[in-house]
Protein backbone atom coordinates (compact mmCIF):
# COMPACT_ATOMS: atom_id res chain seq x y z
CA MET A 1 -1.44 17.81 -11.02
CA PHE A 2 -0.21 19.15 -7.69
CA PRO A 3 -1.67 22.68 -8.03
CA VAL A 4 -5.13 21.24 -8.73
CA THR A 5 -4.82 18.80 -5.83
CA PHE A 6 -3.73 21.59 -3.49
CA ILE A 7 -6.71 23.76 -4.43
CA ILE A 8 -9.15 20.88 -3.85
CA TRP A 9 -7.45 20.14 -0.52
CA ILE A 10 -7.84 23.76 0.62
CA ILE A 11 -11.53 23.85 -0.38
CA ALA A 12 -12.32 20.49 1.25
CA LEU A 13 -10.24 21.03 4.39
CA PRO A 14 -13.00 22.54 6.61
CA PHE A 15 -15.40 19.61 6.17
CA ASP A 16 -13.14 16.72 5.10
CA LYS A 17 -11.81 15.89 8.55
CA LYS A 18 -10.91 12.31 7.64
CA ARG A 19 -9.35 13.40 4.33
CA VAL A 20 -11.65 11.11 2.34
CA VAL A 21 -12.02 13.64 -0.48
CA ILE A 22 -8.30 14.10 -1.00
CA HIS A 23 -7.74 10.33 -0.89
CA TRP A 24 -10.17 9.82 -3.78
CA VAL A 25 -8.61 12.72 -5.67
CA LEU A 26 -5.24 10.99 -5.41
CA VAL A 27 -6.77 7.66 -6.47
CA TYR A 28 -8.25 9.08 -9.65
CA GLU A 29 -5.15 11.13 -10.41
CA SER A 30 -3.16 7.89 -10.20
CA ILE A 31 -5.51 6.26 -12.67
CA ILE A 32 -5.21 9.20 -15.08
CA LEU A 33 -1.41 9.23 -14.86
CA THR A 34 -1.01 5.50 -15.50
CA ARG A 35 -3.40 5.70 -18.45
CA LEU A 36 -1.38 8.54 -19.97
CA VAL A 37 1.63 6.25 -20.38
CA PRO A 38 0.59 3.61 -22.94
CA ILE A 39 3.97 1.82 -22.83
CA TRP A 40 3.10 0.61 -19.32
CA LYS A 41 0.83 -2.41 -19.68
CA VAL A 42 -0.96 -2.97 -16.38
CA ARG A 43 -2.83 -6.20 -15.70
CA PHE A 44 -4.96 -6.78 -12.59
CA GLU A 45 -6.13 -10.18 -11.42
CA GLY A 46 -8.45 -10.94 -8.50
CA ARG A 47 -10.21 -7.58 -8.23
CA GLU A 48 -13.25 -9.45 -6.89
CA ASN A 49 -11.29 -10.01 -3.67
CA THR A 50 -11.40 -6.27 -2.87
CA ILE A 51 -14.77 -6.74 -1.21
CA LYS A 52 -16.78 -3.51 -1.09
CA ASN A 53 -17.37 -2.03 2.38
CA LYS A 54 -15.00 -4.58 3.94
CA THR A 55 -12.12 -3.38 6.10
CA PHE A 56 -8.70 -4.96 5.58
CA VAL A 57 -5.08 -4.75 6.57
CA ILE A 58 -3.76 -4.67 2.99
CA ILE A 59 -0.21 -5.85 2.41
CA SER A 60 1.89 -5.82 -0.75
CA ASN A 61 5.44 -6.56 -1.75
CA HIS A 62 7.44 -3.48 -2.72
CA GLN A 63 9.64 -3.10 -5.82
CA SER A 64 9.44 0.61 -6.66
CA MET A 65 8.07 4.00 -5.65
CA MET A 66 5.72 3.43 -8.60
CA ASP A 67 3.91 0.76 -6.56
CA ILE A 68 1.99 3.53 -4.81
CA LEU A 69 0.66 4.84 -8.12
CA PHE A 70 -0.47 1.45 -9.40
CA LEU A 71 -1.92 0.20 -6.10
CA ASN A 72 -4.08 3.32 -5.90
CA GLU A 73 -5.85 1.87 -8.93
CA LEU A 74 -7.53 -0.65 -6.63
CA LYS A 75 -10.02 2.15 -5.90
CA MET A 76 -10.38 1.25 -2.24
CA ARG A 77 -10.75 3.50 0.76
CA PHE A 78 -7.57 3.12 2.79
CA LYS A 79 -4.77 5.01 4.46
CA TRP A 80 -1.16 4.34 3.59
CA ILE A 81 1.27 3.60 6.40
CA SER A 82 4.68 4.89 5.40
CA LYS A 83 8.10 5.38 6.94
CA ILE A 84 8.63 9.00 7.95
CA GLU A 85 11.53 9.40 5.51
CA THR A 86 9.00 9.35 2.65
CA THR A 87 7.53 12.66 3.84
CA LYS A 88 10.81 14.32 2.80
CA VAL A 89 10.33 13.29 -0.85
CA PRO A 90 8.96 16.24 -2.88
CA PHE A 91 5.33 15.88 -3.97
CA ILE A 92 4.96 12.34 -2.58
CA GLY A 93 5.65 13.59 0.94
CA TRP A 94 3.32 16.53 0.45
CA TYR A 95 0.54 14.20 -0.69
CA LEU A 96 1.09 11.98 2.35
CA ARG A 97 0.55 14.94 4.66
CA MET A 98 -2.39 16.38 2.71
CA ALA A 99 -4.24 13.05 2.84
CA ASP A 100 -3.34 12.60 6.53
CA TYR A 101 -1.80 9.21 5.84
CA ILE A 102 0.01 7.55 8.72
CA THR A 103 3.77 7.79 9.08
CA VAL A 104 6.16 6.10 11.48
CA ASP A 105 9.71 6.75 12.58
CA ARG A 106 10.95 3.18 12.84
CA GLY A 107 13.71 4.12 15.25
CA ASN A 108 11.38 5.88 17.68
CA SER A 109 9.27 3.78 20.08
CA GLU A 110 6.84 6.66 20.76
CA SER A 111 6.29 7.10 17.03
CA LYS A 112 5.54 3.37 16.70
CA GLU A 113 2.99 3.56 19.51
CA GLU A 114 1.35 6.59 17.92
CA MET A 115 1.22 4.78 14.56
CA LEU A 116 -0.46 1.76 16.17
CA MET A 117 -3.07 3.95 17.91
CA LYS A 118 -3.92 5.81 14.69
CA SER A 119 -4.04 2.54 12.78
CA TYR A 120 -6.41 0.87 15.26
CA SER A 121 -8.65 3.93 15.12
CA CYS A 122 -8.79 3.75 11.30
CA LEU A 123 -9.61 0.05 11.29
CA LYS A 124 -12.38 0.44 13.87
CA ASP A 125 -13.75 3.34 11.83
CA GLY A 126 -13.97 1.13 8.74
CA THR A 127 -10.92 2.49 6.92
CA SER A 128 -8.51 -0.11 5.57
CA LEU A 129 -4.74 0.23 5.91
CA MET A 130 -2.18 -0.26 3.12
CA ILE A 131 1.27 -1.39 4.24
CA PHE A 132 4.48 -2.60 2.62
CA PRO A 133 5.58 -5.14 5.27
CA GLU A 134 9.10 -5.34 3.80
CA GLY A 135 9.52 -1.76 5.03
CA THR A 136 11.48 -0.67 1.97
CA ARG A 137 11.83 -1.42 -1.74
CA SER A 138 13.40 -4.72 -2.69
CA PRO A 139 16.68 -4.20 -4.58
CA ASP A 140 16.48 -7.58 -6.33
CA LYS A 141 12.68 -7.63 -6.97
CA GLN A 142 12.25 -10.64 -4.68
CA ILE A 143 10.03 -10.62 -1.61
CA ALA A 144 12.21 -9.77 1.38
CA PHE A 145 11.67 -10.43 5.09
CA PHE A 146 8.35 -9.11 6.44
CA LYS A 147 8.37 -6.88 9.50
CA ARG A 148 5.79 -7.64 12.18
CA GLY A 149 3.79 -4.37 12.34
CA ALA A 150 1.02 -5.14 9.82
CA PHE A 151 0.46 -8.57 11.33
CA GLN A 152 0.39 -7.28 14.88
CA LEU A 153 -2.37 -4.89 13.79
CA ALA A 154 -4.38 -7.63 12.09
CA ILE A 155 -4.13 -9.96 15.09
CA SER A 156 -4.91 -7.31 17.72
CA ALA A 157 -7.79 -5.72 15.79
CA ARG A 158 -9.13 -9.08 14.52
CA MET A 159 -9.07 -7.80 10.94
CA PRO A 160 -8.61 -9.82 7.74
CA ILE A 161 -5.42 -9.44 5.72
CA LEU A 162 -5.67 -8.77 1.99
CA PRO A 163 -2.40 -9.88 0.32
CA ILE A 164 -1.37 -8.30 -2.99
CA VAL A 165 1.53 -9.35 -5.18
CA ILE A 166 2.95 -6.88 -7.68
CA ASP A 167 5.61 -7.44 -10.32
CA GLY A 168 7.17 -5.29 -13.03
CA THR A 169 7.36 -1.93 -11.28
CA GLY A 170 10.99 -2.55 -10.37
CA GLY A 171 11.77 -2.42 -14.08
CA VAL A 172 9.88 0.85 -14.55
CA LEU A 173 11.73 2.63 -11.73
CA PRO A 174 14.14 0.48 -9.70
CA LYS A 175 15.33 1.29 -6.20
CA HIS A 176 17.78 4.23 -6.29
CA GLY A 177 16.88 4.74 -9.97
CA LEU A 178 15.99 8.17 -11.34
CA ILE A 179 15.03 7.32 -14.92
CA PHE A 180 11.65 5.86 -15.89
CA SER A 181 11.62 3.13 -18.51
CA GLY A 182 8.84 1.72 -20.64
CA GLY A 183 7.91 -1.51 -22.33
CA HIS A 184 7.32 -3.30 -19.04
CA LYS A 185 4.40 -5.50 -18.10
CA ILE A 186 3.07 -4.75 -14.65
CA ASN A 187 1.13 -7.61 -13.12
CA ILE A 188 -0.86 -7.14 -9.93
CA LYS A 189 -2.68 -10.04 -8.29
CA ILE A 190 -5.07 -9.57 -5.38
CA LEU A 191 -5.20 -12.80 -3.39
CA GLU A 192 -8.16 -14.04 -1.39
CA PRO A 193 -8.45 -12.41 2.05
CA VAL A 194 -6.98 -14.25 5.00
CA TYR A 195 -9.45 -14.02 7.87
CA PRO A 196 -8.55 -14.05 11.58
CA ASP A 197 -10.06 -17.53 12.09
CA SER A 198 -7.46 -18.93 9.69
CA PHE A 199 -4.42 -17.10 11.13
CA GLU A 200 -3.67 -20.19 13.26
CA THR A 201 -1.35 -18.11 15.45
CA THR A 202 -1.25 -15.06 17.69
CA ASP A 203 2.44 -14.51 16.98
CA PRO A 204 2.82 -11.66 14.44
CA GLU A 205 6.24 -12.89 13.30
CA GLU A 206 4.86 -16.36 12.60
CA LEU A 207 1.91 -14.86 10.72
CA ALA A 208 4.31 -12.66 8.73
CA ALA A 209 6.31 -15.72 7.68
CA LYS A 210 3.11 -17.55 6.72
CA LEU A 211 1.90 -14.71 4.47
CA ARG A 212 5.33 -14.27 2.89
CA ALA A 213 5.42 -18.00 2.09
CA LEU A 214 1.99 -17.63 0.49
CA MET A 215 3.04 -14.70 -1.70
CA ILE A 216 6.43 -15.90 -2.98
CA PRO A 217 5.09 -18.61 -5.35
CA VAL A 218 2.45 -16.15 -6.62
CA LEU A 219 5.23 -13.73 -7.59
CA ASN A 220 7.05 -16.52 -9.40
CA ASP A 221 3.86 -17.40 -11.30
CA LEU A 222 3.29 -13.77 -12.31
CA ARG A 223 6.71 -13.73 -13.97
CA LYS A 224 5.60 -16.55 -16.26
CA VAL A 225 2.60 -14.57 -17.55
């Protein structure tokens, strides 16, 4: 689909300054692609929690590069925040740049500051952010330690956090894997938003631990479905 996406991007570029058009193109392409593979059985739960016209810091656990494809099916307006290494991946990196998604070089303090500024601007403009707080794919499909960035944003901008738990994508394409497999159930549960008044802390690391503790039992329950 890349040639079609590129043509639409070129046509929309002069007037689509916020890259809204290309974001929705990628969303619907994701939906088409996942529907074309009938051996992937995708189940969503809690879609009602993706409140229309509400801005969130969206967080999800991360098992596979395929998470991006399936999470696009939420059909929400957001910008991905991704590590800069992802921009070097063919096609995925090109899409990140075309949609003007936010990237960060985790070893560069100036890059982190720039990421935070762009992120605050998006949130204040009514655009949600989508972040994998683990920072990388989990090799064992468990929920790893959460980095503080997403939670620092939510606290500073006084924005609600929308937690999402995904399971099954690690079987479709595991970390460091190159071969897709089928016959997997992919379960995605959107939890109720956590609003700033219920954060109960201004420490991003403490909030990160709280959200991780909330999501771990949900992941365990999804594996029983």
